[in-house]
């Protein structure tokens, strides 16, 4: 919840800022915030409504690792 408060509801870069996040966590985070809004724990910010479908995804590290492994094998 601290991320939401600190960023005035803007969740665009949430995955980059919460340690150990993976792309699959985005929907879980949005669901959590929606639940907290419904329960009155946090305010429903306009920026949350604008950004909840625009979360920046993390690069696919598995694909990057495969490319690097291929480079090592080639050498």
C-alpha atoms as a PDB file:
ATOM      1  CA  UNK A   1       0.000   0.000   0.000  1.00  0.00           C
ATOM      2  CA  UNK A   2       2.948   2.297   0.634  1.00  0.00           C
ATOM      3  CA  UNK A   3       3.843   2.324  -3.073  1.00  0.00           C
ATOM      4  CA  UNK A   4       0.285   3.421  -3.932  1.00  0.00           C
ATOM      5  CA  UNK A   5       0.355   6.232  -1.375  1.00  0.00           C
ATOM      6  CA  UNK A   6       3.874   7.400  -2.303  1.00  0.00           C
ATOM      7  CA  UNK A   7       2.985   7.569  -6.015  1.00  0.00           C
ATOM      8  CA  UNK A   8      -0.507   9.060  -5.633  1.00  0.00           C
ATOM      9  CA  UNK A   9      -2.088   5.942  -7.115  1.00  0.00           C
ATOM     10  CA  UNK A  10       0.082   5.858 -10.247  1.00  0.00           C
ATOM     11  CA  UNK A  11       0.954   2.178 -10.693  1.00  0.00           C
ATOM     12  CA  UNK A  12       2.676   2.480 -14.082  1.00  0.00           C
ATOM     13  CA  UNK A  13       6.081   1.449 -12.703  1.00  0.00           C
ATOM     14  CA  UNK A  14       5.000  -0.712  -9.774  1.00  0.00           C
ATOM     15  CA  UNK A  15       6.779  -3.844 -11.011  1.00  0.00           C
ATOM     16  CA  UNK A  16      10.081  -1.987 -11.173  1.00  0.00           C
ATOM     17  CA  UNK A  17       9.709  -0.768  -7.608  1.00  0.00           C
ATOM     18  CA  UNK A  18       8.454  -3.733  -5.616  1.00  0.00           C
ATOM     19  CA  UNK A  19      11.268  -6.194  -4.967  1.00  0.00           C
ATOM     20  CA  UNK A  20      10.936  -9.656  -6.557  1.00  0.00           C
ATOM     21  CA  UNK A  21       7.981  -8.604  -8.727  1.00  0.00           C
ATOM     22  CA  UNK A  22       7.348 -10.448 -11.967  1.00  0.00           C
ATOM     23  CA  UNK A  23       5.043  -9.469 -14.815  1.00  0.00           C
ATOM     24  CA  UNK A  24       2.415 -11.931 -13.625  1.00  0.00           C
ATOM     25  CA  UNK A  25       2.080  -9.924 -10.373  1.00  0.00           C
ATOM     26  CA  UNK A  26       0.557  -6.882 -12.112  1.00  0.00           C
ATOM     27  CA  UNK A  27      -3.033  -8.113 -12.034  1.00  0.00           C
ATOM     28  CA  UNK A  28      -2.660  -9.270  -8.427  1.00  0.00           C
ATOM     29  CA  UNK A  29      -1.415  -5.825  -7.375  1.00  0.00           C
ATOM     30  CA  UNK A  30      -4.308  -4.099  -9.166  1.00  0.00           C
ATOM     31  CA  UNK A  31      -6.825  -6.456  -7.545  1.00  0.00           C
ATOM     32  CA  UNK A  32      -5.289  -5.767  -4.135  1.00  0.00           C
ATOM     33  CA  UNK A  33      -5.543  -1.987  -4.578  1.00  0.00           C
ATOM     34  CA  UNK A  34      -9.122  -2.255  -5.838  1.00  0.00           C
ATOM     35  CA  UNK A  35      -9.999  -4.289  -2.744  1.00  0.00           C
ATOM     36  CA  UNK A  36      -8.326  -1.732  -0.450  1.00  0.00           C
ATOM     37  CA  UNK A  37     -10.223   1.091  -2.191  1.00  0.00           C
ATOM     38  CA  UNK A  38     -13.506  -0.767  -1.786  1.00  0.00           C
ATOM     39  CA  UNK A  39     -12.780  -1.367   1.905  1.00  0.00           C
ATOM     40  CA  UNK A  40     -11.913   2.316   2.395  1.00  0.00           C
ATOM     41  CA  UNK A  41      -8.291   1.657   3.331  1.00  0.00           C
ATOM     42  CA  UNK A  42      -6.957   3.915   0.557  1.00  0.00           C
ATOM     43  CA  UNK A  43      -8.474   6.644  -1.603  1.00  0.00           C
ATOM     44  CA  UNK A  44      -9.477   5.975  -5.193  1.00  0.00           C
ATOM     45  CA  UNK A  45      -7.107   8.238  -7.122  1.00  0.00           C
ATOM     46  CA  UNK A  46      -7.716   9.352 -10.693  1.00  0.00           C
ATOM     47  CA  UNK A  47      -4.169   8.338 -11.546  1.00  0.00           C
ATOM     48  CA  UNK A  48      -4.874   4.763 -10.402  1.00  0.00           C
ATOM     49  CA  UNK A  49      -7.860   4.521 -12.722  1.00  0.00           C
ATOM     50  CA  UNK A  50      -5.729   5.889 -15.592  1.00  0.00           C
ATOM     51  CA  UNK A  51      -2.673   3.705 -14.996  1.00  0.00           C
ATOM     52  CA  UNK A  52      -3.995   0.361 -13.778  1.00  0.00           C
ATOM     53  CA  UNK A  53      -4.139  -0.918 -17.369  1.00  0.00           C
ATOM     54  CA  UNK A  54      -0.855   0.720 -18.381  1.00  0.00           C
ATOM     55  CA  UNK A  55       1.605  -1.029 -16.069  1.00  0.00           C
ATOM     56  CA  UNK A  56       5.078  -1.195 -17.588  1.00  0.00           C
ATOM     57  CA  UNK A  57       6.146  -4.809 -17.849  1.00  0.00           C
ATOM     58  CA  UNK A  58       9.612  -5.997 -16.973  1.00  0.00           C
ATOM     59  CA  UNK A  59      11.932  -7.317 -19.683  1.00  0.00           C
ATOM     60  CA  UNK A  60      11.778 -11.074 -20.222  1.00  0.00           C
ATOM     61  CA  UNK A  61      14.936 -12.145 -18.413  1.00  0.00           C
ATOM     62  CA  UNK A  62      14.498 -15.802 -19.350  1.00  0.00           C
ATOM     63  CA  UNK A  63      14.681 -14.937 -23.038  1.00  0.00           C
ATOM     64  CA  UNK A  64      17.706 -12.741 -22.423  1.00  0.00           C
ATOM     65  CA  UNK A  65      19.408 -15.565 -20.510  1.00  0.00           C
ATOM     66  CA  UNK A  66      18.822 -17.969 -23.418  1.00  0.00           C
ATOM     67  CA  UNK A  67      20.479 -15.520 -25.821  1.00  0.00           C
ATOM     68  CA  UNK A  68      23.494 -15.135 -23.546  1.00  0.00           C
ATOM     69  CA  UNK A  69      23.798 -18.903 -23.131  1.00  0.00           C
ATOM     70  CA  UNK A  70      23.743 -19.249 -26.913  1.00  0.00           C
ATOM     71  CA  UNK A  71      26.565 -16.712 -27.207  1.00  0.00           C
ATOM     72  CA  UNK A  72      28.643 -18.626 -24.668  1.00  0.00           C
ATOM     73  CA  UNK A  73      28.110 -21.938 -26.494  1.00  0.00           C
ATOM     74  CA  UNK A  74      29.081 -20.308 -29.794  1.00  0.00           C
ATOM     75  CA  UNK A  75      32.453 -19.276 -28.355  1.00  0.00           C
END
